[in-house]
PDB file of N, CA and C in Angstrom:
ATOM      1  N   MET A   1      33.497 154.547  50.723  1.00  0.00           N
ATOM      2  CA  MET A   1      32.240 153.439  50.415  1.00  0.00           C
ATOM      3  C   MET A   1      31.753 152.703  51.182  1.00  0.00           C
ATOM      4  N   ASN A   2      30.567 152.814  51.385  1.00  0.00           N
ATOM      5  CA  ASN A   2      29.867 151.926  52.135  1.00  0.00           C
ATOM      6  C   ASN A   2      29.386 150.494  51.307  1.00  0.00           C
ATOM      7  N   GLU A   3      30.324 149.516  51.859  1.00  0.00           N
ATOM      8  CA  GLU A   3      30.416 148.536  50.943  1.00  0.00           C
ATOM      9  C   GLU A   3      28.871 147.488  51.098  1.00  0.00           C
ATOM     10  N   ASP A   4      28.400 147.990  52.120  1.00  0.00           N
ATOM     11  CA  ASP A   4      26.806 147.058  52.576  1.00  0.00           C
ATOM     12  C   ASP A   4      25.907 148.009  51.584  1.00  0.00           C
ATOM     13  N   ALA A   5      26.069 148.878  51.565  1.00  0.00           N
ATOM     14  CA  ALA A   5      25.082 149.857  50.651  1.00  0.00           C
ATOM     15  C   ALA A   5      25.220 149.615  49.001  1.00  0.00           C
ATOM     16  N   PHE A   6      26.384 149.953  48.503  1.00  0.00           N
ATOM     17  CA  PHE A   6      26.836 149.401  47.447  1.00  0.00           C
ATOM     18  C   PHE A   6      26.475 148.060  46.980  1.00  0.00           C
ATOM     19  N   ASN A   7      26.474 146.995  48.027  1.00  0.00           N
ATOM     20  CA  ASN A   7      26.171 145.621  47.501  1.00  0.00           C
ATOM     21  C   ASN A   7      24.300 145.604  47.071  1.00  0.00           C
ATOM     22  N   MET A   8      23.856 146.205  48.188  1.00  0.00           N
ATOM     23  CA  MET A   8      22.082 146.340  47.921  1.00  0.00           C
ATOM     24  C   MET A   8      21.960 146.942  47.256  1.00  0.00           C
ATOM     25  N   SER A   9      22.697 148.033  46.781  1.00  0.00           N
ATOM     26  CA  SER A   9      22.486 148.707  45.129  1.00  0.00           C
ATOM     27  C   SER A   9      22.599 147.983  44.249  1.00  0.00           C
ATOM     28  N   ILE A  10      23.524 147.184  44.300  1.00  0.00           N
ATOM     29  CA  ILE A  10      23.894 146.253  43.019  1.00  0.00           C
ATOM     30  C   ILE A  10      22.638 145.160  42.963  1.00  0.00           C
ATOM     31  N   ARG A  11      22.072 144.437  44.200  1.00  0.00           N
ATOM     32  CA  ARG A  11      21.492 143.760  44.035  1.00  0.00           C
ATOM     33  C   ARG A  11      20.071 144.284  43.398  1.00  0.00           C
ATOM     34  N   LYS A  12      19.937 145.556  43.743  1.00  0.00           N
ATOM     35  CA  LYS A  12      18.321 146.191  43.435  1.00  0.00           C
ATOM     36  C   LYS A  12      18.307 146.171  42.135  1.00  0.00           C
ATOM     37  N   PHE A  13      19.579 146.525  41.309  1.00  0.00           N
ATOM     38  CA  PHE A  13      19.325 146.629  40.210  1.00  0.00           C
ATOM     39  C   PHE A  13      19.502 145.624  39.452  1.00  0.00           C
ATOM     40  N   LEU A  14      20.203 144.649  39.932  1.00  0.00           N
ATOM     41  CA  LEU A  14      20.014 143.268  38.734  1.00  0.00           C
ATOM     42  C   LEU A  14      18.473 142.998  39.294  1.00  0.00           C
ATOM     43  N   LYS A  15      18.505 143.044  40.266  1.00  0.00           N
ATOM     44  CA  LYS A  15      16.869 142.037  40.344  1.00  0.00           C
ATOM     45  C   LYS A  15      15.716 142.952  39.055  1.00  0.00           C
ATOM     46  N   LYS A  16      16.030 144.193  39.272  1.00  0.00           N
ATOM     47  CA  LYS A  16      14.772 145.267  38.198  1.00  0.00           C
ATOM     48  C   LYS A  16      15.676 144.720  36.491  1.00  0.00           C
ATOM     49  N   VAL A  17      16.563 143.994  36.608  1.00  0.00           N
ATOM     50  CA  VAL A  17      17.008 143.867  35.312  1.00  0.00           C
ATOM     51  C   VAL A  17      16.525 142.383  34.708  1.00  0.00           C
ATOM     52  N   GLY A  18      16.635 141.359  36.098  1.00  0.00           N
ATOM     53  CA  GLY A  18      16.095 140.058  35.850  1.00  0.00           C
ATOM     54  C   GLY A  18      14.156 140.274  35.669  1.00  0.00           C
ATOM     55  N   VAL A  19      13.918 140.848  36.378  1.00  0.00           N
ATOM     56  CA  VAL A  19      12.037 140.870  36.207  1.00  0.00           C
ATOM     57  C   VAL A  19      11.862 141.669  34.600  1.00  0.00           C
ATOM     58  N   THR A  20      12.201 142.843  34.837  1.00  0.00           N
ATOM     59  CA  THR A  20      12.255 143.383  33.260  1.00  0.00           C
ATOM     60  C   THR A  20      12.701 142.586  32.007  1.00  0.00           C
ATOM     61  N   SER A  21      13.740 141.659  32.284  1.00  0.00           N
ATOM     62  CA  SER A  21      14.276 141.417  31.403  1.00  0.00           C
ATOM     63  C   SER A  21      13.395 139.662  30.637  1.00  0.00           C
ATOM     64  N   GLN A  22      13.177 139.327  31.880  1.00  0.00           N
ATOM     65  CA  GLN A  22      11.934 138.006  31.991  1.00  0.00           C
ATOM     66  C   GLN A  22      10.797 138.347  31.114  1.00  0.00           C
ATOM     67  N   ARG A  23      10.212 139.766  31.467  1.00  0.00           N
ATOM     68  CA  ARG A  23       8.611 139.928  30.959  1.00  0.00           C
ATOM     69  C   ARG A  23       9.035 140.334  29.660  1.00  0.00           C
ATOM     70  N   GLU A  24      10.266 141.050  28.910  1.00  0.00           N
ATOM     71  CA  GLU A  24      10.293 141.624  27.891  1.00  0.00           C
ATOM     72  C   GLU A  24      10.490 140.387  26.897  1.00  0.00           C
ATOM     73  N   ILE A  25      11.233 139.312  27.591  1.00  0.00           N
ATOM     74  CA  ILE A  25      11.367 137.867  26.457  1.00  0.00           C
ATOM     75  C   ILE A  25      10.160 137.312  26.205  1.00  0.00           C
ATOM     76  N   GLU A  26       9.404 137.182  27.374  1.00  0.00           N
ATOM     77  CA  GLU A  26       8.329 136.392  27.748  1.00  0.00           C
ATOM     78  C   GLU A  26       7.445 137.196  26.653  1.00  0.00           C
ATOM     79  N   ASN A  27       6.817 138.394  26.697  1.00  0.00           N
ATOM     80  CA  ASN A  27       5.956 139.269  25.731  1.00  0.00           C
ATOM     81  C   ASN A  27       6.475 139.027  24.374  1.00  0.00           C
ATOM     82  N   ALA A  28       7.813 139.181  23.924  1.00  0.00           N
ATOM     83  CA  ALA A  28       8.231 139.045  22.374  1.00  0.00           C
ATOM     84  C   ALA A  28       7.774 137.741  22.043  1.00  0.00           C
ATOM     85  N   VAL A  29       8.635 136.366  22.577  1.00  0.00           N
ATOM     86  CA  VAL A  29       8.070 135.144  22.272  1.00  0.00           C
ATOM     87  C   VAL A  29       6.859 135.167  22.515  1.00  0.00           C
ATOM     88  N   HIS A  30       5.784 135.235  22.894  1.00  0.00           N
ATOM     89  CA  HIS A  30       4.336 134.980  22.986  1.00  0.00           C
ATOM     90  C   HIS A  30       3.959 135.761  21.973  1.00  0.00           C
ATOM     91  N   GLN A  31       4.024 136.781  21.544  1.00  0.00           N
ATOM     92  CA  GLN A  31       4.033 137.592  20.040  1.00  0.00           C
ATOM     93  C   GLN A  31       4.090 136.949  18.958  1.00  0.00           C
ATOM     94  N   ALA A  32       5.521 136.531  18.931  1.00  0.00           N
ATOM     95  CA  ALA A  32       6.360 135.944  17.755  1.00  0.00           C
ATOM     96  C   ALA A  32       5.570 134.357  17.895  1.00  0.00           C
ATOM     97  N   VAL A  33       4.925 133.800  18.891  1.00  0.00           N
ATOM     98  CA  VAL A  33       4.145 132.682  18.600  1.00  0.00           C
ATOM     99  C   VAL A  33       2.941 132.816  17.965  1.00  0.00           C
ATOM    100  N   ALA A  34       2.484 133.544  18.352  1.00  0.00           N
ATOM    101  CA  ALA A  34       0.565 133.890  17.603  1.00  0.00           C
ATOM    102  C   ALA A  34       1.231 134.422  16.589  1.00  0.00           C
ATOM    103  N   ALA A  35       1.809 135.186  16.125  1.00  0.00           N
ATOM    104  CA  ALA A  35       1.997 135.512  14.732  1.00  0.00           C
ATOM    105  C   ALA A  35       2.305 134.420  13.870  1.00  0.00           C
ATOM    106  N   GLY A  36       2.879 133.472  14.311  1.00  0.00           N
ATOM    107  CA  GLY A  36       3.291 132.474  13.143  1.00  0.00           C
ATOM    108  C   GLY A  36       4.586 132.584  12.749  1.00  0.00           C
ATOM    109  N   LYS A  37       5.596 133.390  13.556  1.00  0.00           N
ATOM    110  CA  LYS A  37       6.938 133.909  13.278  1.00  0.00           C
ATOM    111  C   LYS A  37       7.809 132.945  14.103  1.00  0.00           C
ATOM    112  N   LEU A  38       7.646 132.181  14.693  1.00  0.00           N
ATOM    113  CA  LEU A  38       7.937 131.538  15.954  1.00  0.00           C
ATOM    114  C   LEU A  38       7.331 130.377  16.075  1.00  0.00           C
ATOM    115  N   SER A  39       8.275 129.120  16.251  1.00  0.00           N
ATOM    116  CA  SER A  39       7.579 127.473  16.679  1.00  0.00           C
ATOM    117  C   SER A  39       8.542 127.203  17.567  1.00  0.00           C
ATOM    118  N   GLY A  40       8.382 126.175  17.923  1.00  0.00           N
ATOM    119  CA  GLY A  40       9.583 125.638  18.872  1.00  0.00           C
ATOM    120  C   GLY A  40      10.304 124.576  17.994  1.00  0.00           C
ATOM    121  N   GLY A  41      11.243 124.058  18.785  1.00  0.00           N
ATOM    122  CA  GLY A  41      12.605 123.592  18.415  1.00  0.00           C
ATOM    123  C   GLY A  41      13.930 123.872  18.816  1.00  0.00           C
ATOM    124  N   ARG A  42      14.023 125.040  17.998  1.00  0.00           N
ATOM    125  CA  ARG A  42      15.626 125.374  18.328  1.00  0.00           C
ATOM    126  C   ARG A  42      15.655 126.882  19.145  1.00  0.00           C
ATOM    127  N   PRO A  43      16.454 126.762  20.055  1.00  0.00           N
ATOM    128  CA  PRO A  43      16.700 127.621  20.980  1.00  0.00           C
ATOM    129  C   PRO A  43      16.729 128.998  20.385  1.00  0.00           C
ATOM    130  N   LEU A  44      16.320 130.145  21.362  1.00  0.00           N
ATOM    131  CA  LEU A  44      17.010 131.466  20.573  1.00  0.00           C
ATOM    132  C   LEU A  44      18.146 131.904  21.418  1.00  0.00           C
ATOM    133  N   LYS A  45      19.155 132.007  20.124  1.00  0.00           N
ATOM    134  CA  LYS A  45      20.288 133.197  20.673  1.00  0.00           C
ATOM    135  C   LYS A  45      19.705 134.912  21.584  1.00  0.00           C
ATOM    136  N   ALA A  46      20.461 134.896  22.476  1.00  0.00           N
ATOM    137  CA  ALA A  46      20.226 135.993  23.417  1.00  0.00           C
ATOM    138  C   ALA A  46      21.736 136.663  23.919  1.00  0.00           C
ATOM    139  N   LYS A  47      21.602 137.468  23.795  1.00  0.00           N
ATOM    140  CA  LYS A  47      22.903 138.625  24.198  1.00  0.00           C
ATOM    141  C   LYS A  47      22.218 139.674  25.265  1.00  0.00           C
ATOM    142  N   VAL A  48      22.818 139.952  26.302  1.00  0.00           N
ATOM    143  CA  VAL A  48      23.135 141.564  26.680  1.00  0.00           C
ATOM    144  C   VAL A  48      24.013 141.939  26.951  1.00  0.00           C
ATOM    145  N   VAL A  49      23.944 143.234  26.833  1.00  0.00           N
ATOM    146  CA  VAL A  49      25.578 144.104  26.787  1.00  0.00           C
ATOM    147  C   VAL A  49      25.165 144.958  28.400  1.00  0.00           C
ATOM    148  N   LEU A  50      26.307 144.825  29.281  1.00  0.00           N
ATOM    149  CA  LEU A  50      26.310 145.162  30.558  1.00  0.00           C
ATOM    150  C   LEU A  50      27.280 146.359  30.419  1.00  0.00           C
ATOM    151  N   THR A  51      26.330 147.484  30.977  1.00  0.00           N
ATOM    152  CA  THR A  51      27.218 148.414  30.759  1.00  0.00           C
ATOM    153  C   THR A  51      27.246 149.571  31.941  1.00  0.00           C
ATOM    154  N   VAL A  52      28.328 149.999  32.476  1.00  0.00           N
ATOM    155  CA  VAL A  52      28.479 150.943  33.562  1.00  0.00           C
ATOM    156  C   VAL A  52      29.501 152.278  33.576  1.00  0.00           C
ATOM    157  N   ASP A  53      28.432 153.275  33.158  1.00  0.00           N
ATOM    158  CA  ASP A  53      29.360 154.685  32.668  1.00  0.00           C
ATOM    159  C   ASP A  53      29.788 155.151  33.994  1.00  0.00           C
ATOM    160  N   GLY A  54      31.004 155.569  33.934  1.00  0.00           N
ATOM    161  CA  GLY A  54      31.730 156.265  35.020  1.00  0.00           C
ATOM    162  C   GLY A  54      33.160 155.362  35.204  1.00  0.00           C
ATOM    163  N   VAL A  55      33.018 153.646  34.724  1.00  0.00           N
ATOM    164  CA  VAL A  55      34.157 153.124  35.358  1.00  0.00           C
ATOM    165  C   VAL A  55      34.614 152.163  33.850  1.00  0.00           C
ATOM    166  N   GLY A  56      33.886 152.771  32.977  1.00  0.00           N
ATOM    167  CA  GLY A  56      34.419 151.841  31.651  1.00  0.00           C
ATOM    168  C   GLY A  56      34.155 150.556  31.485  1.00  0.00           C
ATOM    169  N   LEU A  57      33.110 150.001  32.169  1.00  0.00           N
ATOM    170  CA  LEU A  57      32.765 148.656  32.203  1.00  0.00           C
ATOM    171  C   LEU A  57      31.605 148.574  30.877  1.00  0.00           C
ATOM    172  N   SER A  58      31.828 147.353  30.129  1.00  0.00           N
ATOM    173  CA  SER A  58      30.917 146.978  28.962  1.00  0.00           C
ATOM    174  C   SER A  58      31.466 145.473  28.820  1.00  0.00           C
ATOM    175  N   VAL A  59      30.393 144.883  29.640  1.00  0.00           N
ATOM    176  CA  VAL A  59      30.552 143.164  29.179  1.00  0.00           C
ATOM    177  C   VAL A  59      29.596 142.355  28.168  1.00  0.00           C
ATOM    178  N   PRO A  60      29.457 142.071  27.378  1.00  0.00           N
ATOM    179  CA  PRO A  60      28.746 141.547  26.240  1.00  0.00           C
ATOM    180  C   PRO A  60      28.466 139.985  27.117  1.00  0.00           C
ATOM    181  N   ILE A  61      26.708 139.243  27.025  1.00  0.00           N
ATOM    182  CA  ILE A  61      26.655 138.232  28.235  1.00  0.00           C
ATOM    183  C   ILE A  61      25.858 137.566  27.098  1.00  0.00           C
ATOM    184  N   GLU A  62      26.014 136.769  26.536  1.00  0.00           N
ATOM    185  CA  GLU A  62      25.211 135.538  25.497  1.00  0.00           C
ATOM    186  C   GLU A  62      25.173 134.221  26.390  1.00  0.00           C
ATOM    187  N   GLY A  63      23.956 133.694  25.291  1.00  0.00           N
ATOM    188  CA  GLY A  63      23.427 132.452  25.980  1.00  0.00           C
ATOM    189  C   GLY A  63      22.001 132.122  25.095  1.00  0.00           C
ATOM    190  N   GLU A  64      21.532 131.201  25.337  1.00  0.00           N
ATOM    191  CA  GLU A  64      20.307 130.717  24.611  1.00  0.00           C
ATOM    192  C   GLU A  64      19.297 130.484  25.553  1.00  0.00           C
ATOM    193  N   ILE A  65      18.109 130.795  24.895  1.00  0.00           N
ATOM    194  CA  ILE A  65      16.955 130.617  25.734  1.00  0.00           C
ATOM    195  C   ILE A  65      16.041 128.992  24.939  1.00  0.00           C
ATOM    196  N   GLU A  66      15.838 128.157  25.567  1.00  0.00           N
ATOM    197  CA  GLU A  66      14.968 127.097  25.252  1.00  0.00           C
ATOM    198  C   GLU A  66      13.494 127.062  25.317  1.00  0.00           C
ATOM    199  N   LEU A  67      13.115 126.714  24.243  1.00  0.00           N
ATOM    200  CA  LEU A  67      11.435 126.742  24.088  1.00  0.00           C
ATOM    201  C   LEU A  67      10.783 125.830  24.424  1.00  0.00           C
ATOM    202  N   GLU A  68      11.463 124.734  24.019  1.00  0.00           N
ATOM    203  CA  GLU A  68      11.127 123.188  24.498  1.00  0.00           C
ATOM    204  C   GLU A  68      11.759 122.414  25.799  1.00  0.00           C
TER     205      GLU A  68
END
């Protein structure tokens, strides 16, 4: 296994995950605010489940997103 290629591939994947996730969260929050379904105050609970086929990886990652 080429460790450098492996590391770069992971970084590329994580960058894609980060950029896409941020865009989707921002769009969903803006739409909810515009529709009157969401206002500031309480943080939003968020969860991502990272899975990697072939190695049996499934890791839940939980956190909160502050709006104010």
